[in-house]
C-alpha atoms as a PDB file:
ATOM      1  CA  UNK A   1     -54.146  19.754   9.832  1.00  0.00           C
ATOM      2  CA  UNK A   2     -53.832  19.896   6.036  1.00  0.00           C
ATOM      3  CA  UNK A   3     -56.788  20.809   3.861  1.00  0.00           C
ATOM      4  CA  UNK A   4     -57.183  17.226   2.598  1.00  0.00           C
ATOM      5  CA  UNK A   5     -57.326  15.974   6.169  1.00  0.00           C
ATOM      6  CA  UNK A   6     -60.086  18.420   7.025  1.00  0.00           C
ATOM      7  CA  UNK A   7     -62.049  17.331   3.960  1.00  0.00           C
ATOM      8  CA  UNK A   8     -61.663  13.703   5.014  1.00  0.00           C
ATOM      9  CA  UNK A   9     -63.026  14.434   8.489  1.00  0.00           C
ATOM     10  CA  UNK A  10     -65.948  16.446   7.137  1.00  0.00           C
ATOM     11  CA  UNK A  11     -66.704  14.130   4.211  1.00  0.00           C
ATOM     12  CA  UNK A  12     -69.811  12.548   5.683  1.00  0.00           C
ATOM     13  CA  UNK A  13     -71.329  15.935   6.521  1.00  0.00           C
ATOM     14  CA  UNK A  14     -70.943  17.501   3.079  1.00  0.00           C
ATOM     15  CA  UNK A  15     -73.845  18.054   0.727  1.00  0.00           C
ATOM     16  CA  UNK A  16     -73.622  16.970  -2.898  1.00  0.00           C
ATOM     17  CA  UNK A  17     -72.746  20.500  -4.027  1.00  0.00           C
ATOM     18  CA  UNK A  18     -70.165  20.890  -1.266  1.00  0.00           C
ATOM     19  CA  UNK A  19     -68.564  17.596  -2.284  1.00  0.00           C
ATOM     20  CA  UNK A  20     -68.189  18.927  -5.828  1.00  0.00           C
ATOM     21  CA  UNK A  21     -66.400  21.990  -4.484  1.00  0.00           C
ATOM     22  CA  UNK A  22     -64.222  19.798  -2.253  1.00  0.00           C
ATOM     23  CA  UNK A  23     -63.277  17.663  -5.261  1.00  0.00           C
ATOM     24  CA  UNK A  24     -62.035  20.774  -7.083  1.00  0.00           C
ATOM     25  CA  UNK A  25     -60.086  21.856  -4.000  1.00  0.00           C
ATOM     26  CA  UNK A  26     -58.361  18.465  -3.951  1.00  0.00           C
ATOM     27  CA  UNK A  27     -57.836  17.930  -7.669  1.00  0.00           C
ATOM     28  CA  UNK A  28     -57.094  21.527  -8.744  1.00  0.00           C
ATOM     29  CA  UNK A  29     -55.743  23.419  -5.723  1.00  0.00           C
ATOM     30  CA  UNK A  30     -54.389  26.146  -7.991  1.00  0.00           C
ATOM     31  CA  UNK A  31     -57.996  27.195  -8.677  1.00  0.00           C
ATOM     32  CA  UNK A  32     -58.371  27.918  -4.973  1.00  0.00           C
ATOM     33  CA  UNK A  33     -54.886  29.341  -4.456  1.00  0.00           C
ATOM     34  CA  UNK A  34     -54.991  31.814  -7.333  1.00  0.00           C
ATOM     35  CA  UNK A  35     -58.690  32.215  -8.077  1.00  0.00           C
ATOM     36  CA  UNK A  36     -61.783  33.791  -6.611  1.00  0.00           C
ATOM     37  CA  UNK A  37     -64.882  32.441  -4.931  1.00  0.00           C
ATOM     38  CA  UNK A  38     -66.732  32.820  -8.226  1.00  0.00           C
ATOM     39  CA  UNK A  39     -64.065  30.920 -10.182  1.00  0.00           C
ATOM     40  CA  UNK A  40     -64.040  28.041  -7.697  1.00  0.00           C
ATOM     41  CA  UNK A  41     -67.835  27.947  -7.735  1.00  0.00           C
ATOM     42  CA  UNK A  42     -67.875  27.865 -11.544  1.00  0.00           C
ATOM     43  CA  UNK A  43     -65.293  25.064 -11.663  1.00  0.00           C
ATOM     44  CA  UNK A  44     -67.430  23.002  -9.294  1.00  0.00           C
ATOM     45  CA  UNK A  45     -70.749  23.921 -10.933  1.00  0.00           C
ATOM     46  CA  UNK A  46     -71.929  25.252  -7.579  1.00  0.00           C
ATOM     47  CA  UNK A  47     -72.905  28.576  -6.068  1.00  0.00           C
ATOM     48  CA  UNK A  48     -70.648  31.042  -4.296  1.00  0.00           C
ATOM     49  CA  UNK A  49     -72.560  30.460  -1.069  1.00  0.00           C
ATOM     50  CA  UNK A  50     -71.696  26.765  -1.287  1.00  0.00           C
ATOM     51  CA  UNK A  51     -67.988  27.615  -1.464  1.00  0.00           C
ATOM     52  CA  UNK A  52     -68.249  29.740   1.657  1.00  0.00           C
ATOM     53  CA  UNK A  53     -70.244  27.063   3.505  1.00  0.00           C
ATOM     54  CA  UNK A  54     -67.633  24.457   2.654  1.00  0.00           C
ATOM     55  CA  UNK A  55     -64.830  26.666   3.971  1.00  0.00           C
ATOM     56  CA  UNK A  56     -66.768  27.099   7.215  1.00  0.00           C
ATOM     57  CA  UNK A  57     -67.450  23.367   7.551  1.00  0.00           C
ATOM     58  CA  UNK A  58     -63.727  22.738   7.135  1.00  0.00           C
ATOM     59  CA  UNK A  59     -63.034  25.048  10.059  1.00  0.00           C
ATOM     60  CA  UNK A  60     -61.809  28.084   8.138  1.00  0.00           C
ATOM     61  CA  UNK A  61     -62.930  31.649   8.695  1.00  0.00           C
ATOM     62  CA  UNK A  62     -64.299  32.046   5.185  1.00  0.00           C
ATOM     63  CA  UNK A  63     -62.873  31.551   1.703  1.00  0.00           C
ATOM     64  CA  UNK A  64     -59.851  33.775   2.268  1.00  0.00           C
ATOM     65  CA  UNK A  65     -58.609  31.573   5.106  1.00  0.00           C
ATOM     66  CA  UNK A  66     -59.122  28.434   3.001  1.00  0.00           C
ATOM     67  CA  UNK A  67     -57.253  30.077   0.132  1.00  0.00           C
ATOM     68  CA  UNK A  68     -54.341  30.987   2.399  1.00  0.00           C
ATOM     69  CA  UNK A  69     -54.099  27.412   3.648  1.00  0.00           C
ATOM     70  CA  UNK A  70     -54.024  26.037   0.105  1.00  0.00           C
ATOM     71  CA  UNK A  71     -51.438  28.619  -0.961  1.00  0.00           C
ATOM     72  CA  UNK A  72     -49.227  27.630   1.971  1.00  0.00           C
ATOM     73  CA  UNK A  73     -49.440  23.939   1.104  1.00  0.00           C
ATOM     74  CA  UNK A  74     -48.676  24.584  -2.553  1.00  0.00           C
ATOM     75  CA  UNK A  75     -45.650  26.735  -1.725  1.00  0.00           C
ATOM     76  CA  UNK A  76     -44.242  24.028   0.545  1.00  0.00           C
ATOM     77  CA  UNK A  77     -44.719  21.356  -2.110  1.00  0.00           C
ATOM     78  CA  UNK A  78     -43.502  23.216  -5.175  1.00  0.00           C
ATOM     79  CA  UNK A  79     -40.533  25.226  -3.927  1.00  0.00           C
ATOM     80  CA  UNK A  80     -38.031  22.298  -4.005  1.00  0.00           C
ATOM     81  CA  UNK A  81     -39.266  21.244  -7.446  1.00  0.00           C
ATOM     82  CA  UNK A  82     -38.957  24.817  -8.743  1.00  0.00           C
ATOM     83  CA  UNK A  83     -35.314  24.828  -7.716  1.00  0.00           C
ATOM     84  CA  UNK A  84     -34.460  21.442  -9.210  1.00  0.00           C
ATOM     85  CA  UNK A  85     -36.377  21.975 -12.420  1.00  0.00           C
ATOM     86  CA  UNK A  86     -33.732  24.441 -13.577  1.00  0.00           C
ATOM     87  CA  UNK A  87     -31.181  21.620 -13.640  1.00  0.00           C
ATOM     88  CA  UNK A  88     -32.959  19.696 -16.402  1.00  0.00           C
ATOM     89  CA  UNK A  89     -30.898  19.523 -19.603  1.00  0.00           C
ATOM     90  CA  UNK A  90     -33.350  17.792 -21.928  1.00  0.00           C
ATOM     91  CA  UNK A  91     -35.239  20.770 -23.273  1.00  0.00           C
ATOM     92  CA  UNK A  92     -38.707  22.126 -22.625  1.00  0.00           C
ATOM     93  CA  UNK A  93     -40.509  18.782 -22.960  1.00  0.00           C
ATOM     94  CA  UNK A  94     -38.273  17.121 -20.387  1.00  0.00           C
ATOM     95  CA  UNK A  95     -38.535  20.084 -18.018  1.00  0.00           C
ATOM     96  CA  UNK A  96     -42.335  20.043 -18.221  1.00  0.00           C
ATOM     97  CA  UNK A  97     -42.453  16.323 -17.447  1.00  0.00           C
ATOM     98  CA  UNK A  98     -39.861  16.638 -14.719  1.00  0.00           C
ATOM     99  CA  UNK A  99     -41.866  19.378 -13.030  1.00  0.00           C
ATOM    100  CA  UNK A 100     -45.060  17.357 -13.210  1.00  0.00           C
ATOM    101  CA  UNK A 101     -43.496  14.123 -11.945  1.00  0.00           C
ATOM    102  CA  UNK A 102     -41.747  15.900  -9.090  1.00  0.00           C
ATOM    103  CA  UNK A 103     -45.084  17.442  -8.191  1.00  0.00           C
ATOM    104  CA  UNK A 104     -46.746  14.015  -8.300  1.00  0.00           C
ATOM    105  CA  UNK A 105     -44.183  12.399  -6.016  1.00  0.00           C
ATOM    106  CA  UNK A 106     -43.966  15.301  -3.598  1.00  0.00           C
ATOM    107  CA  UNK A 107     -47.709  15.826  -3.321  1.00  0.00           C
ATOM    108  CA  UNK A 108     -48.301  12.091  -2.807  1.00  0.00           C
ATOM    109  CA  UNK A 109     -45.611  11.595  -0.183  1.00  0.00           C
ATOM    110  CA  UNK A 110     -46.163  14.888   1.633  1.00  0.00           C
ATOM    111  CA  UNK A 111     -49.836  14.008   2.066  1.00  0.00           C
ATOM    112  CA  UNK A 112     -48.987  10.801   3.921  1.00  0.00           C
ATOM    113  CA  UNK A 113     -50.018  10.510   7.530  1.00  0.00           C
ATOM    114  CA  UNK A 114     -47.423   8.838   9.760  1.00  0.00           C
ATOM    115  CA  UNK A 115     -50.032   7.001  11.792  1.00  0.00           C
ATOM    116  CA  UNK A 116     -51.723   5.666   8.641  1.00  0.00           C
ATOM    117  CA  UNK A 117     -48.381   4.438   7.283  1.00  0.00           C
ATOM    118  CA  UNK A 118     -47.595   2.670  10.556  1.00  0.00           C
ATOM    119  CA  UNK A 119     -51.036   1.042  10.634  1.00  0.00           C
ATOM    120  CA  UNK A 120     -50.907  -0.061   7.001  1.00  0.00           C
ATOM    121  CA  UNK A 121     -47.382  -1.403   7.377  1.00  0.00           C
ATOM    122  CA  UNK A 122     -48.285  -3.440  10.435  1.00  0.00           C
ATOM    123  CA  UNK A 123     -51.083  -5.063   8.452  1.00  0.00           C
ATOM    124  CA  UNK A 124     -48.900  -5.728   5.413  1.00  0.00           C
ATOM    125  CA  UNK A 125     -46.291  -7.341   7.655  1.00  0.00           C
ATOM    126  CA  UNK A 126     -48.788  -9.564   9.490  1.00  0.00           C
ATOM    127  CA  UNK A 127     -47.794 -13.058   8.340  1.00  0.00           C
ATOM    128  CA  UNK A 128     -50.950 -14.564   9.792  1.00  0.00           C
ATOM    129  CA  UNK A 129     -53.047 -12.999   7.036  1.00  0.00           C
ATOM    130  CA  UNK A 130     -52.876 -12.913   3.245  1.00  0.00           C
ATOM    131  CA  UNK A 131     -52.439  -9.738   1.204  1.00  0.00           C
ATOM    132  CA  UNK A 132     -54.574  -9.401  -1.922  1.00  0.00           C
ATOM    133  CA  UNK A 133     -54.127  -6.470  -4.302  1.00  0.00           C
ATOM    134  CA  UNK A 134     -56.956  -5.311  -6.567  1.00  0.00           C
ATOM    135  CA  UNK A 135     -56.270  -2.611  -9.117  1.00  0.00           C
ATOM    136  CA  UNK A 136     -57.770  -0.696 -11.973  1.00  0.00           C
ATOM    137  CA  UNK A 137     -56.447  -1.515 -15.417  1.00  0.00           C
ATOM    138  CA  UNK A 138     -54.260   1.591 -15.644  1.00  0.00           C
ATOM    139  CA  UNK A 139     -52.525   0.841 -12.318  1.00  0.00           C
ATOM    140  CA  UNK A 140     -51.740  -2.791 -13.117  1.00  0.00           C
ATOM    141  CA  UNK A 141     -48.052  -2.155 -13.874  1.00  0.00           C
ATOM    142  CA  UNK A 142     -47.129  -0.498 -10.573  1.00  0.00           C
ATOM    143  CA  UNK A 143     -49.383  -2.912  -8.693  1.00  0.00           C
ATOM    144  CA  UNK A 144     -47.581  -5.878 -10.226  1.00  0.00           C
ATOM    145  CA  UNK A 145     -44.244  -4.454  -9.084  1.00  0.00           C
ATOM    146  CA  UNK A 146     -45.628  -3.919  -5.585  1.00  0.00           C
ATOM    147  CA  UNK A 147     -46.844  -7.524  -5.387  1.00  0.00           C
ATOM    148  CA  UNK A 148     -43.478  -8.826  -6.594  1.00  0.00           C
ATOM    149  CA  UNK A 149     -41.536  -6.720  -4.077  1.00  0.00           C
ATOM    150  CA  UNK A 150     -43.761  -7.453  -1.098  1.00  0.00           C
ATOM    151  CA  UNK A 151     -43.959 -11.097  -2.160  1.00  0.00           C
ATOM    152  CA  UNK A 152     -40.164 -11.295  -1.958  1.00  0.00           C
ATOM    153  CA  UNK A 153     -40.425 -10.345   1.710  1.00  0.00           C
ATOM    154  CA  UNK A 154     -43.332 -12.510   2.820  1.00  0.00           C
ATOM    155  CA  UNK A 155     -45.651 -15.294   1.591  1.00  0.00           C
ATOM    156  CA  UNK A 156     -49.307 -15.053   0.580  1.00  0.00           C
ATOM    157  CA  UNK A 157     -49.186 -11.907  -1.543  1.00  0.00           C
ATOM    158  CA  UNK A 158     -51.166 -11.937  -4.769  1.00  0.00           C
ATOM    159  CA  UNK A 159     -52.576  -9.696  -7.478  1.00  0.00           C
ATOM    160  CA  UNK A 160     -56.235 -10.497  -8.062  1.00  0.00           C
ATOM    161  CA  UNK A 161     -56.855 -10.872 -11.783  1.00  0.00           C
ATOM    162  CA  UNK A 162     -59.060 -12.900 -14.089  1.00  0.00           C
ATOM    163  CA  UNK A 163     -62.704 -13.019 -15.052  1.00  0.00           C
ATOM    164  CA  UNK A 164     -65.679 -12.488 -12.755  1.00  0.00           C
ATOM    165  CA  UNK A 165     -65.821 -16.177 -11.824  1.00  0.00           C
ATOM    166  CA  UNK A 166     -62.163 -16.242 -10.740  1.00  0.00           C
ATOM    167  CA  UNK A 167     -62.478 -12.981  -8.824  1.00  0.00           C
ATOM    168  CA  UNK A 168     -65.655 -14.063  -7.030  1.00  0.00           C
ATOM    169  CA  UNK A 169     -64.078 -17.382  -6.079  1.00  0.00           C
ATOM    170  CA  UNK A 170     -61.014 -15.712  -4.570  1.00  0.00           C
ATOM    171  CA  UNK A 171     -63.082 -13.148  -2.683  1.00  0.00           C
ATOM    172  CA  UNK A 172     -65.195 -15.961  -1.237  1.00  0.00           C
ATOM    173  CA  UNK A 173     -62.005 -17.435   0.262  1.00  0.00           C
ATOM    174  CA  UNK A 174     -60.949 -14.285   2.115  1.00  0.00           C
ATOM    175  CA  UNK A 175     -60.552 -14.727   5.844  1.00  0.00           C
ATOM    176  CA  UNK A 176     -61.364 -12.060   8.439  1.00  0.00           C
ATOM    177  CA  UNK A 177     -58.255  -9.944   8.907  1.00  0.00           C
ATOM    178  CA  UNK A 178     -56.836 -10.604   5.432  1.00  0.00           C
ATOM    179  CA  UNK A 179     -55.535  -7.413   3.853  1.00  0.00           C
ATOM    180  CA  UNK A 180     -56.961  -6.091   0.592  1.00  0.00           C
ATOM    181  CA  UNK A 181     -55.104  -3.213  -1.077  1.00  0.00           C
ATOM    182  CA  UNK A 182     -57.311  -1.411  -3.605  1.00  0.00           C
ATOM    183  CA  UNK A 183     -55.518   0.864  -6.104  1.00  0.00           C
ATOM    184  CA  UNK A 184     -57.455   2.927  -8.616  1.00  0.00           C
ATOM    185  CA  UNK A 185     -57.937   6.439  -9.991  1.00  0.00           C
ATOM    186  CA  UNK A 186     -60.962   8.158 -11.433  1.00  0.00           C
ATOM    187  CA  UNK A 187     -62.702   6.975 -13.526  1.00  0.00           C
ATOM    188  CA  UNK A 188     -62.781   3.972 -11.201  1.00  0.00           C
ATOM    189  CA  UNK A 189     -63.119   0.446 -12.554  1.00  0.00           C
ATOM    190  CA  UNK A 190     -66.497  -0.732 -11.292  1.00  0.00           C
ATOM    191  CA  UNK A 191     -65.221  -4.224 -10.537  1.00  0.00           C
ATOM    192  CA  UNK A 192     -62.534  -2.809  -8.237  1.00  0.00           C
ATOM    193  CA  UNK A 193     -65.092  -0.829  -6.220  1.00  0.00           C
ATOM    194  CA  UNK A 194     -67.423  -3.847  -6.077  1.00  0.00           C
ATOM    195  CA  UNK A 195     -64.597  -6.193  -5.076  1.00  0.00           C
ATOM    196  CA  UNK A 196     -63.460  -3.828  -2.333  1.00  0.00           C
ATOM    197  CA  UNK A 197     -66.995  -3.669  -0.950  1.00  0.00           C
ATOM    198  CA  UNK A 198     -67.263  -7.459  -1.036  1.00  0.00           C
ATOM    199  CA  UNK A 199     -63.927  -7.803   0.755  1.00  0.00           C
ATOM    200  CA  UNK A 200     -65.102  -5.484   3.548  1.00  0.00           C
ATOM    201  CA  UNK A 201     -68.281  -7.528   3.951  1.00  0.00           C
ATOM    202  CA  UNK A 202     -66.135 -10.623   4.405  1.00  0.00           C
ATOM    203  CA  UNK A 203     -64.112  -9.019   7.172  1.00  0.00           C
ATOM    204  CA  UNK A 204     -60.997  -8.066   5.234  1.00  0.00           C
ATOM    205  CA  UNK A 205     -58.987  -5.012   6.268  1.00  0.00           C
ATOM    206  CA  UNK A 206     -59.100  -2.577   3.357  1.00  0.00           C
ATOM    207  CA  UNK A 207     -56.356  -0.130   2.390  1.00  0.00           C
ATOM    208  CA  UNK A 208     -57.263   2.184  -0.484  1.00  0.00           C
ATOM    209  CA  UNK A 209     -54.749   4.084  -2.592  1.00  0.00           C
ATOM    210  CA  UNK A 210     -56.782   6.479  -4.685  1.00  0.00           C
ATOM    211  CA  UNK A 211     -56.882  10.019  -6.024  1.00  0.00           C
ATOM    212  CA  UNK A 212     -59.331  11.647  -3.615  1.00  0.00           C
ATOM    213  CA  UNK A 213     -60.508  11.357  -0.040  1.00  0.00           C
ATOM    214  CA  UNK A 214     -63.997  11.493  -1.542  1.00  0.00           C
ATOM    215  CA  UNK A 215     -63.547   8.538  -3.896  1.00  0.00           C
ATOM    216  CA  UNK A 216     -65.766   5.467  -3.380  1.00  0.00           C
ATOM    217  CA  UNK A 217     -62.697   3.441  -2.387  1.00  0.00           C
ATOM    218  CA  UNK A 218     -61.626   5.910   0.293  1.00  0.00           C
ATOM    219  CA  UNK A 219     -65.119   6.048   1.723  1.00  0.00           C
ATOM    220  CA  UNK A 220     -65.249   2.337   2.545  1.00  0.00           C
ATOM    221  CA  UNK A 221     -61.593   1.783   3.543  1.00  0.00           C
ATOM    222  CA  UNK A 222     -60.113   1.170   6.979  1.00  0.00           C
ATOM    223  CA  UNK A 223     -57.187   3.346   5.894  1.00  0.00           C
ATOM    224  CA  UNK A 224     -56.805   5.494   2.806  1.00  0.00           C
ATOM    225  CA  UNK A 225     -53.918   7.302   1.123  1.00  0.00           C
ATOM    226  CA  UNK A 226     -54.296   9.922  -1.591  1.00  0.00           C
ATOM    227  CA  UNK A 227     -52.347   9.728  -4.843  1.00  0.00           C
ATOM    228  CA  UNK A 228     -51.445  12.632  -7.122  1.00  0.00           C
ATOM    229  CA  UNK A 229     -51.291  11.439 -10.709  1.00  0.00           C
ATOM    230  CA  UNK A 230     -51.279  14.427 -13.042  1.00  0.00           C
ATOM    231  CA  UNK A 231     -49.877  13.812 -16.511  1.00  0.00           C
ATOM    232  CA  UNK A 232     -48.622  16.101 -19.276  1.00  0.00           C
ATOM    233  CA  UNK A 233     -50.179  13.939 -21.983  1.00  0.00           C
ATOM    234  CA  UNK A 234     -53.592  12.240 -22.152  1.00  0.00           C
ATOM    235  CA  UNK A 235     -52.820   9.645 -19.463  1.00  0.00           C
ATOM    236  CA  UNK A 236     -52.404   9.685 -15.700  1.00  0.00           C
ATOM    237  CA  UNK A 237     -48.921   9.328 -14.270  1.00  0.00           C
ATOM    238  CA  UNK A 238     -48.261   6.458 -11.865  1.00  0.00           C
ATOM    239  CA  UNK A 239     -44.896   7.708 -10.637  1.00  0.00           C
ATOM    240  CA  UNK A 240     -46.391   9.050  -7.408  1.00  0.00           C
ATOM    241  CA  UNK A 241     -48.234   5.760  -6.892  1.00  0.00           C
ATOM    242  CA  UNK A 242     -45.017   3.792  -7.329  1.00  0.00           C
ATOM    243  CA  UNK A 243     -43.233   6.073  -4.869  1.00  0.00           C
ATOM    244  CA  UNK A 244     -45.932   5.451  -2.260  1.00  0.00           C
ATOM    245  CA  UNK A 245     -45.841   1.701  -2.835  1.00  0.00           C
ATOM    246  CA  UNK A 246     -42.062   1.800  -2.405  1.00  0.00           C
ATOM    247  CA  UNK A 247     -42.567   3.513   0.963  1.00  0.00           C
ATOM    248  CA  UNK A 248     -44.907   0.725   2.067  1.00  0.00           C
ATOM    249  CA  UNK A 249     -42.533  -2.025   0.929  1.00  0.00           C
ATOM    250  CA  UNK A 250     -39.536  -0.437   2.647  1.00  0.00           C
ATOM    251  CA  UNK A 251     -41.479   0.010   5.877  1.00  0.00           C
ATOM    252  CA  UNK A 252     -42.714  -3.598   5.733  1.00  0.00           C
ATOM    253  CA  UNK A 253     -39.138  -4.792   5.172  1.00  0.00           C
ATOM    254  CA  UNK A 254     -38.123  -3.130   8.447  1.00  0.00           C
ATOM    255  CA  UNK A 255     -40.832  -4.971  10.361  1.00  0.00           C
ATOM    256  CA  UNK A 256     -40.091  -8.278   8.613  1.00  0.00           C
ATOM    257  CA  UNK A 257     -36.313  -7.944   8.855  1.00  0.00           C
ATOM    258  CA  UNK A 258     -35.522 -11.397  10.268  1.00  0.00           C
ATOM    259  CA  UNK A 259     -37.939 -13.531   8.262  1.00  0.00           C
ATOM    260  CA  UNK A 260     -37.499 -11.445   5.110  1.00  0.00           C
ATOM    261  CA  UNK A 261     -33.711 -11.716   5.291  1.00  0.00           C
ATOM    262  CA  UNK A 262     -33.932 -15.504   5.442  1.00  0.00           C
ATOM    263  CA  UNK A 263     -36.422 -15.519   2.580  1.00  0.00           C
ATOM    264  CA  UNK A 264     -34.209 -13.313   0.398  1.00  0.00           C
ATOM    265  CA  UNK A 265     -31.077 -15.315   1.262  1.00  0.00           C
ATOM    266  CA  UNK A 266     -32.744 -18.538   0.102  1.00  0.00           C
ATOM    267  CA  UNK A 267     -33.829 -16.920  -3.157  1.00  0.00           C
ATOM    268  CA  UNK A 268     -30.334 -15.520  -3.726  1.00  0.00           C
ATOM    269  CA  UNK A 269     -28.778 -18.945  -3.094  1.00  0.00           C
ATOM    270  CA  UNK A 270     -31.124 -20.544  -5.638  1.00  0.00           C
ATOM    271  CA  UNK A 271     -30.271 -17.943  -8.284  1.00  0.00           C
ATOM    272  CA  UNK A 272     -26.540 -18.295  -7.638  1.00  0.00           C
ATOM    273  CA  UNK A 273     -26.623 -22.089  -7.780  1.00  0.00           C
ATOM    274  CA  UNK A 274     -28.201 -21.960 -11.229  1.00  0.00           C
ATOM    275  CA  UNK A 275     -26.239 -18.946 -12.460  1.00  0.00           C
ATOM    276  CA  UNK A 276     -29.532 -17.315 -13.385  1.00  0.00           C
ATOM    277  CA  UNK A 277     -28.368 -13.720 -12.995  1.00  0.00           C
ATOM    278  CA  UNK A 278     -25.490 -11.906 -14.692  1.00  0.00           C
ATOM    279  CA  UNK A 279     -23.947  -8.964 -12.861  1.00  0.00           C
ATOM    280  CA  UNK A 280     -21.196  -8.038 -15.317  1.00  0.00           C
END
């Protein structure tokens, strides 16, 4: 089991200080891979003993074993990117961004659990229930694309937007079994966390796409997937998020093959009849 998976399983048993250490392990694995117990403790504002206790709770034989596990995961994720990065022709700035975006996509997709993908896809492809997407402001762009793509395959897919009155009204109309996809990164938009909690109370099935197994969205979700969103500049990157959403759409398309094909054929016929698209 990967380190993130062990943290997920142990999440409810961790103390506040241990959670801080776990957050550093997840968000800055290089601190663990190439640092010392003292450096990890300092980064988490915790004591060295807390670091050792966390490693033990995660099932490792001390910090050294945890460090080895993180080093192994990093080497598996970064080796392909290190090879391809040398092919970049756009100068140092492009190479730096290429490295970071490759890391984001690889870390996000490599962290996926096959069972979680299958479960989430089955819910997204369930035509008996609506799919409602709630997202933090920064993730609105990729979320909008996801809604458009999934909405091309099946009905009742919407992005929840608007003021508090509109949001509350829509949440009040959720039916048990409806799917709510919550997408957000730290610092989390409070309304997204509150809306996700309200959806769970109303019997919705909650899928969270967020940056940590210890985030408030992951803690309340029926299924959760971790995003890596490091950016070179001052903003998070959403390339890894988009890659994950593309995985979900493609998997849903496989399950919805017959009905989705008919739906896409009808849309294509309408566009062709009105000459609405130009392909040359």
